[in-house]
Each structure stands twice: as structure tokens, then as C-alpha cells.
Amino acid sequence: MELNEFLTALQDFLNMRLFELQETPVTIMSMVIFLVFLIFFLFLGAFVRKVLHGKVLDRFEIDPGLQYTLARVSQYLIVTIGVLISFQFVGIDLTGLAVIFGLLSVGIGFGLQNITANFISGLIVMFERPISVGDRVDVAGIEGDVTEINIRSTKIRTLNNVSIIVPNTEFVSNNVINYSHGEPTFRLDINVGVSYSSDLEIVLKALNEVAEEHPRVMKIPAHQVHLIEFGDSSWDMQLRAWISNVKDRYILRNELHQAIVKKFDELDIEIPFPQRDLHVRSSVALPVDSKKRDEHPQKGAK
């Protein structure tokens, strides 16, 4: 009897009416079922995303950024379907909810404009794909690699291994430099000054040899050497070398700098330091009026 009484009390508690929504009673039992379905579809969406991104899409020749987008869209689609099924299973009419949500959105929208803008921007970023996971970008002076694109924000890992959360509106409304967009190749410009007393032909030969001898400088497009300006104390030369991956430009810049120093040392090419000529003029005696000199004799004269 005690067990039956407990089950009866539990049933009465679960069937307790909390409120009505569009003439549909909402009980504790219906809310529990709704939450169970919702949590199930949330986990299902995350599981499908991991399987698609980690196993299924890797078998096809698809761009990694597109793989990430397809996996994310699949997750959001499953979660949306799960929400609709959860409402229908509970017995709540979605047409009535649409009206209520429409009225609430008018008031809530004013306080959530920033979140809404980031949400819409996230959809634009995911479908238009101005950036993709793995791209090297520069946003507001911050350079790093895109590691994750979410519906509200994007995670960027800087060159110092620091994660930065950037709102998606930054990628839609502001200027963004995407070094990896479309073509990962990059033209690396190396500037160096040489003394005016240098032999120009030897300088050109040295810079060409530096580019030709480096294994990671591309042969096509071919490198170029330019005399870009006549400086105050040097010819300003520039080596324009193409590299296959923009992410390696800092490493390759350092290697090319070192190679130039060694090559110039071998060929006795001088890299001058800034020089300034200082001209000192001797003082000139100024004429002195004899009358004023008599009126104001020198101090100490007797």
C-alpha cells in the first residue's frame, strides 16, 4: 500500500499543471520530457559534428574550412529539428509560439542587438566563408590562425599562442586581412641598403644568388631584385621572393636576412650605417661702435 500511495503521489505531482500555453496545459511531466528530448538532440548534434569533421568528410577531397562549415551546419540543423520535435511531442502548437516569440522579439531585440548582430554575422561567415578554420588573419592589428568559428564569435590563436575571442561582427563590418584566402603563396619583400661605393652588378648578383640558393624560395613566380630608392647614405635594394606558405614568412625572412649578411661578407659588400655631415663655422667678429665703447668701459678698467 505504501508503494502504491507513493506512485500515486508521484503521478499526481508529475501531472501537476504549471501553466497553459495557447490552451495547452503544461505539466511537470511535459517539461521533463521536453528537457530530455532537448538534451538528447544537443548531444546528438555535437556527436554528429565530431563524426563528420573527424572521420566522414576527411575521406573526401574537401577544403578543411568547408569541412568545418558542413559539420557545424549539420549540428545546428539537428538541434533545430530537435527543438521542433520536442515542442510537438509535448503538444505545444508552434504557430502559437511563433506569435508569442514574435511579440517578445520586439522588446528583447532592443536589449540584444549586439548578440543578434553577432548571430547573423556568424551565419554570414559560415556560409559566405570570407574566413575558414586554419586561415591566417589580421583583425584590428591582431594576427593569428582561426581555430574555431561559432555562431556568435570566432576563436583566433595568436602567434604567441594566446587565444582571443573575436565577435563575428568584426569580420563583416570591418576590414580584415586574410593572408590564406584563396592562394597561400606570398611575396616576401626583403629590404637592404648598400654603400654607394659598391659595384651594382656584384650587389645584384649577390641578392639573386641568395634567392636561388634558398630551397624554400619558389622558382615560379621567379624572384626579382630592385633598386627602389637612392637613400641618404645607401642604395636601397629590395629582394622580392615568393614563398609557398604565408605562415612561414617570419621564419623565411630571418633566414634570408642571415643569408644576405653572409653573402655580402663573402663579396665585401658594405651595408652602411646612417651618416650625417656636421659643418662647424668659425665665429666672425662683429663691429663695435666706438662711441658706445667709450660710454661703457669694460668692467675692471682703471
Protein backbone atom coordinates (compact mmCIF):
# COMPACT_ATOMS: atom_id res chain seq x y z
CA MET A 1 0.00 0.00 0.00
CA GLU A 2 2.80 2.37 0.79
CA LEU A 3 4.35 1.81 -2.65
CA ASN A 4 1.01 2.38 -4.35
CA GLU A 5 0.50 5.56 -2.38
CA PHE A 6 3.98 6.75 -3.33
CA LEU A 7 3.36 6.05 -7.03
CA THR A 8 0.01 7.79 -6.88
CA ALA A 9 1.54 10.84 -5.22
CA LEU A 10 4.37 10.86 -7.78
CA GLN A 11 1.86 10.65 -10.63
CA ASP A 12 -0.17 13.49 -9.20
CA PHE A 13 3.00 15.56 -8.82
CA LEU A 14 4.13 14.94 -12.40
CA ASN A 15 0.67 15.74 -13.76
CA MET A 16 0.53 18.99 -11.84
CA ARG A 17 -0.40 21.80 -14.22
CA LEU A 18 2.11 24.63 -14.23
CA PHE A 19 0.52 26.94 -16.79
CA GLU A 20 -1.33 26.95 -20.08
CA LEU A 21 0.13 27.98 -23.42
CA GLN A 22 -2.35 28.50 -26.24
CA GLU A 23 -4.96 26.41 -24.38
CA THR A 24 -2.41 23.61 -23.98
CA PRO A 25 -1.71 22.61 -20.37
CA VAL A 26 1.95 22.39 -19.49
CA THR A 27 2.71 19.95 -16.68
CA ILE A 28 5.85 18.94 -14.85
CA MET A 29 5.89 15.69 -16.82
CA SER A 30 5.73 17.53 -20.16
CA MET A 31 8.55 19.85 -19.09
CA VAL A 32 10.72 16.87 -18.06
CA ILE A 33 10.07 15.15 -21.39
CA PHE A 34 10.83 18.40 -23.24
CA LEU A 35 14.17 18.82 -21.44
CA VAL A 36 15.13 15.18 -22.01
CA PHE A 37 14.44 15.46 -25.75
CA LEU A 38 16.27 18.79 -25.95
CA ILE A 39 19.37 17.50 -24.16
CA PHE A 40 19.35 14.36 -26.32
CA PHE A 41 19.34 16.35 -29.56
CA LEU A 42 22.04 18.70 -28.26
CA PHE A 43 24.36 15.76 -27.59
CA LEU A 44 23.34 14.14 -30.89
CA GLY A 45 24.23 17.32 -32.80
CA ALA A 46 27.65 17.54 -31.14
CA PHE A 47 28.30 13.84 -31.82
CA VAL A 48 27.34 14.13 -35.50
CA ARG A 49 29.59 17.19 -35.89
CA LYS A 50 32.59 15.33 -34.46
CA VAL A 51 31.97 12.25 -36.63
CA LEU A 52 31.54 14.29 -39.82
CA HIS A 53 34.54 16.53 -39.20
CA GLY A 54 36.83 13.83 -37.84
CA LYS A 55 36.03 10.77 -39.96
CA VAL A 56 33.49 11.12 -42.76
CA LEU A 57 34.47 14.35 -44.53
CA ASP A 58 38.19 13.60 -44.26
CA ARG A 59 37.72 10.82 -46.81
CA PHE A 60 36.71 13.32 -49.49
CA GLU A 61 38.88 15.94 -51.16
CA ILE A 62 37.16 18.86 -49.45
CA ASP A 63 38.76 22.05 -48.20
CA PRO A 64 39.25 21.90 -44.39
CA GLY A 65 37.33 25.14 -43.97
CA LEU A 66 34.38 23.74 -45.92
CA GLN A 67 34.51 20.54 -43.84
CA TYR A 68 34.21 22.60 -40.68
CA THR A 69 31.29 24.59 -42.09
CA LEU A 70 29.37 21.48 -43.20
CA ALA A 71 29.89 19.83 -39.81
CA ARG A 72 28.73 22.95 -37.95
CA VAL A 73 25.67 23.42 -40.14
CA SER A 74 24.74 19.75 -39.61
CA GLN A 75 24.94 20.24 -35.85
CA TYR A 76 22.74 23.35 -35.88
CA LEU A 77 20.25 21.63 -38.20
CA ILE A 78 19.92 18.64 -35.86
CA VAL A 79 19.46 20.89 -32.83
CA THR A 80 16.78 22.92 -34.63
CA ILE A 81 14.91 19.77 -35.64
CA GLY A 82 15.22 18.51 -32.07
CA VAL A 83 13.65 21.68 -30.67
CA LEU A 84 10.72 21.41 -33.09
CA ILE A 85 10.18 17.73 -32.26
CA SER A 86 10.39 18.45 -28.53
CA PHE A 87 7.68 21.09 -28.74
CA GLN A 88 5.47 18.88 -30.87
CA PHE A 89 5.90 15.88 -28.56
CA VAL A 90 4.85 17.92 -25.58
CA GLY A 91 1.77 19.03 -27.51
CA ILE A 92 2.56 22.73 -27.82
CA ASP A 93 1.37 24.38 -31.03
CA LEU A 94 4.33 26.03 -32.75
CA THR A 95 2.13 28.53 -34.56
CA GLY A 96 1.08 29.95 -31.22
CA LEU A 97 4.67 30.04 -30.07
CA ALA A 98 5.66 31.90 -33.22
CA VAL A 99 3.24 34.68 -32.36
CA ILE A 100 4.47 34.89 -28.78
CA PHE A 101 8.13 34.84 -29.81
CA GLY A 102 7.38 37.48 -32.41
CA LEU A 103 5.94 39.79 -29.76
CA LEU A 104 8.78 39.10 -27.35
CA SER A 105 11.43 39.69 -30.02
CA VAL A 106 10.30 43.28 -30.42
CA GLY A 107 11.07 44.08 -26.80
CA ILE A 108 14.03 41.78 -26.38
CA GLY A 109 15.63 42.86 -29.65
CA PHE A 110 16.46 46.32 -28.34
CA GLY A 111 18.47 44.84 -25.48
CA LEU A 112 20.10 42.08 -27.52
CA GLN A 113 21.07 43.94 -30.66
CA ASN A 114 24.73 43.12 -30.22
CA ILE A 115 24.07 39.39 -29.74
CA THR A 116 21.68 39.34 -32.70
CA ALA A 117 24.21 41.12 -34.91
CA ASN A 118 26.91 38.61 -33.96
CA PHE A 119 24.50 35.73 -34.62
CA ILE A 120 23.64 36.98 -38.12
CA SER A 121 27.31 37.74 -38.78
CA GLY A 122 28.19 34.19 -37.71
CA LEU A 123 25.80 32.78 -40.30
CA ILE A 124 27.30 35.04 -42.97
CA VAL A 125 30.83 33.97 -42.03
CA MET A 126 29.90 30.27 -42.12
CA PHE A 127 28.08 30.34 -45.46
CA GLU A 128 29.92 33.09 -47.34
CA ARG A 129 33.25 31.87 -45.91
CA PRO A 130 35.38 35.04 -46.03
CA ILE A 131 37.45 33.19 -43.42
CA SER A 132 37.85 29.49 -42.69
CA VAL A 133 39.35 27.40 -39.92
CA GLY A 134 43.12 27.35 -40.36
CA ASP A 135 43.35 30.72 -42.14
CA ARG A 136 45.99 33.25 -41.08
CA VAL A 137 44.13 36.54 -40.47
CA ASP A 138 44.81 40.01 -39.12
CA VAL A 139 41.88 41.59 -37.25
CA ALA A 140 42.28 45.00 -35.62
CA GLY A 141 46.06 44.56 -35.61
CA ILE A 142 45.87 41.05 -34.11
CA GLU A 143 47.44 38.34 -36.26
CA GLY A 144 46.75 34.68 -35.74
CA ASP A 145 45.18 31.47 -37.03
CA VAL A 146 41.44 30.81 -36.97
CA THR A 147 40.84 27.76 -34.78
CA GLU A 148 37.06 27.76 -34.33
CA ILE A 149 34.06 29.56 -35.83
CA ASN A 150 31.00 29.62 -33.60
CA ILE A 151 27.61 31.15 -34.12
CA ARG A 152 28.44 34.24 -32.03
CA SER A 153 32.22 34.56 -32.04
CA THR A 154 35.40 33.24 -33.60
CA LYS A 155 38.48 31.97 -31.80
CA ILE A 156 41.88 33.11 -33.04
CA ARG A 157 45.16 31.76 -31.72
CA THR A 158 47.86 34.41 -32.00
CA LEU A 159 51.49 33.81 -32.92
CA ASN A 160 52.25 33.93 -29.19
CA ASN A 161 49.86 31.00 -28.59
CA VAL A 162 47.19 33.17 -26.97
CA SER A 163 43.51 32.51 -27.71
CA ILE A 164 41.43 35.58 -28.49
CA ILE A 165 37.64 35.61 -28.82
CA VAL A 166 36.60 37.95 -31.65
CA PRO A 167 32.90 38.85 -32.20
CA ASN A 168 31.72 37.83 -35.66
CA THR A 169 30.68 41.38 -36.48
CA GLU A 170 34.38 42.26 -36.77
CA PHE A 171 34.64 40.03 -39.84
CA VAL A 172 31.58 41.52 -41.54
CA SER A 173 31.65 45.23 -40.76
CA ASN A 174 35.41 45.94 -40.50
CA ASN A 175 38.46 45.44 -42.68
CA VAL A 176 40.01 42.01 -42.21
CA ILE A 177 43.27 40.81 -43.77
CA ASN A 178 43.08 37.13 -44.69
CA TYR A 179 46.54 36.01 -45.75
CA SER A 180 45.33 32.49 -46.59
CA HIS A 181 42.23 33.35 -48.61
CA GLY A 182 42.25 31.56 -51.95
CA GLU A 183 46.02 31.28 -52.51
CA PRO A 184 48.50 30.59 -49.68
CA THR A 185 51.54 31.85 -51.64
CA PHE A 186 53.07 35.14 -50.52
CA ARG A 187 55.59 37.63 -51.89
CA LEU A 188 58.24 38.33 -49.29
CA ASP A 189 59.96 41.72 -49.68
CA ILE A 190 63.46 41.98 -48.18
CA ASN A 191 64.93 45.49 -47.96
CA VAL A 192 68.67 46.11 -47.59
CA GLY A 193 70.91 49.13 -48.11
CA VAL A 194 74.35 49.00 -49.75
CA SER A 195 77.11 51.58 -49.90
CA TYR A 196 77.31 53.96 -52.85
CA SER A 197 80.86 52.75 -53.40
CA SER A 198 79.62 49.20 -54.10
CA ASP A 199 79.65 47.57 -57.53
CA LEU A 200 75.98 47.41 -58.55
CA GLU A 201 76.47 44.29 -60.68
CA ILE A 202 78.01 42.41 -57.76
CA VAL A 203 75.17 43.52 -55.48
CA LEU A 204 72.55 42.29 -57.97
CA LYS A 205 74.43 39.02 -58.35
CA ALA A 206 74.64 38.51 -54.59
CA LEU A 207 70.92 39.05 -53.98
CA ASN A 208 69.98 36.78 -56.89
CA GLU A 209 72.23 34.04 -55.52
CA VAL A 210 70.64 34.34 -52.07
CA ALA A 211 67.20 33.70 -53.56
CA GLU A 212 68.39 30.93 -55.87
CA GLU A 213 70.26 29.06 -53.14
CA HIS A 214 67.42 29.06 -50.63
CA PRO A 215 65.42 25.81 -51.02
CA ARG A 216 62.09 27.28 -49.92
CA VAL A 217 62.03 30.22 -52.30
CA MET A 218 59.72 29.41 -55.21
CA LYS A 219 61.12 29.21 -58.72
CA ILE A 220 57.78 30.16 -60.27
CA PRO A 221 56.95 33.01 -59.93
CA ALA A 222 60.60 33.99 -60.20
CA HIS A 223 62.19 36.29 -57.67
CA GLN A 224 63.16 39.87 -58.54
CA VAL A 225 65.79 42.34 -57.35
CA HIS A 226 65.03 46.07 -57.48
CA LEU A 227 66.89 49.26 -56.68
CA ILE A 228 63.93 51.04 -55.16
CA GLU A 229 65.42 54.30 -53.89
CA PHE A 230 68.57 56.42 -53.51
CA GLY A 231 68.87 56.86 -49.77
CA ASP A 232 70.88 59.37 -47.75
CA SER A 233 73.84 57.04 -47.35
CA SER A 234 72.98 53.94 -49.40
CA TRP A 235 71.31 52.38 -52.40
CA ASP A 236 68.07 50.90 -51.07
CA MET A 237 67.74 47.45 -52.64
CA GLN A 238 64.78 45.07 -52.41
CA LEU A 239 64.66 41.32 -52.95
CA ARG A 240 61.18 40.10 -53.85
CA ALA A 241 60.92 36.36 -53.27
CA TRP A 242 57.82 34.17 -53.45
CA ILE A 243 57.14 31.55 -50.78
CA SER A 244 54.58 28.76 -50.83
CA ASN A 245 53.01 29.35 -47.41
CA VAL A 246 52.34 32.77 -45.93
CA LYS A 247 52.54 31.35 -42.41
CA ASP A 248 56.28 30.73 -42.86
CA ARG A 249 57.12 34.31 -43.83
CA TYR A 250 58.68 35.28 -40.48
CA ILE A 251 60.95 32.24 -40.43
CA LEU A 252 61.98 32.67 -44.05
CA ARG A 253 62.54 36.41 -43.61
CA ASN A 254 65.01 35.64 -40.82
CA GLU A 255 66.79 33.00 -42.93
CA LEU A 256 67.07 35.32 -45.94
CA HIS A 257 68.39 38.15 -43.77
CA GLN A 258 71.12 35.89 -42.43
CA ALA A 259 71.94 34.62 -45.91
CA ILE A 260 72.29 38.20 -47.20
CA VAL A 261 74.67 39.12 -44.39
CA LYS A 262 76.86 36.07 -45.12
CA LYS A 263 76.78 36.64 -48.89
CA PHE A 264 77.70 40.32 -48.55
CA ASP A 265 80.54 39.40 -46.23
CA GLU A 266 81.91 36.95 -48.82
CA LEU A 267 81.79 39.54 -51.61
CA ASP A 268 82.95 42.51 -49.48
CA ILE A 269 79.71 44.41 -49.97
CA GLU A 270 79.26 47.09 -47.34
CA ILE A 271 75.96 47.70 -45.54
CA PRO A 272 76.42 51.31 -44.41
CA PHE A 273 75.07 52.86 -41.26
CA PRO A 274 73.28 56.24 -41.41
CA GLN A 275 75.75 59.09 -41.68
CA ARG A 276 75.37 62.80 -41.09
CA ASP A 277 77.89 65.51 -42.02
CA LEU A 278 78.37 68.22 -39.40
CA HIS A 279 79.81 71.54 -40.65
CA VAL A 280 81.22 73.87 -37.96
CA ARG A 281 81.65 77.50 -38.95
CA SER A 282 84.19 79.76 -37.19
CA SER A 283 82.84 82.79 -35.32
CA VAL A 284 83.05 86.19 -37.00
CA ALA A 285 83.96 89.33 -35.03
CA LEU A 286 81.12 91.83 -35.02
CA PRO A 287 81.84 95.56 -35.48
CA VAL A 288 81.57 97.59 -32.29
CA ASP A 289 80.51 101.24 -32.18
CA SER A 290 83.42 103.30 -30.77
CA LYS A 291 81.12 105.80 -29.05
CA LYS A 292 79.24 103.08 -27.15
CA ARG A 293 82.53 101.51 -26.23
CA ASP A 294 83.72 104.81 -24.68
CA GLU A 295 80.43 105.30 -22.84
CA HIS A 296 80.50 101.80 -21.39
CA PRO A 297 84.08 100.98 -20.50
CA GLN A 298 84.93 97.42 -19.67
CA LYS A 299 84.41 96.33 -16.10
CA GLY A 300 87.52 96.31 -14.03
CA ALA A 301 89.24 99.04 -16.09
CA LYS A 302 91.09 101.58 -14.03
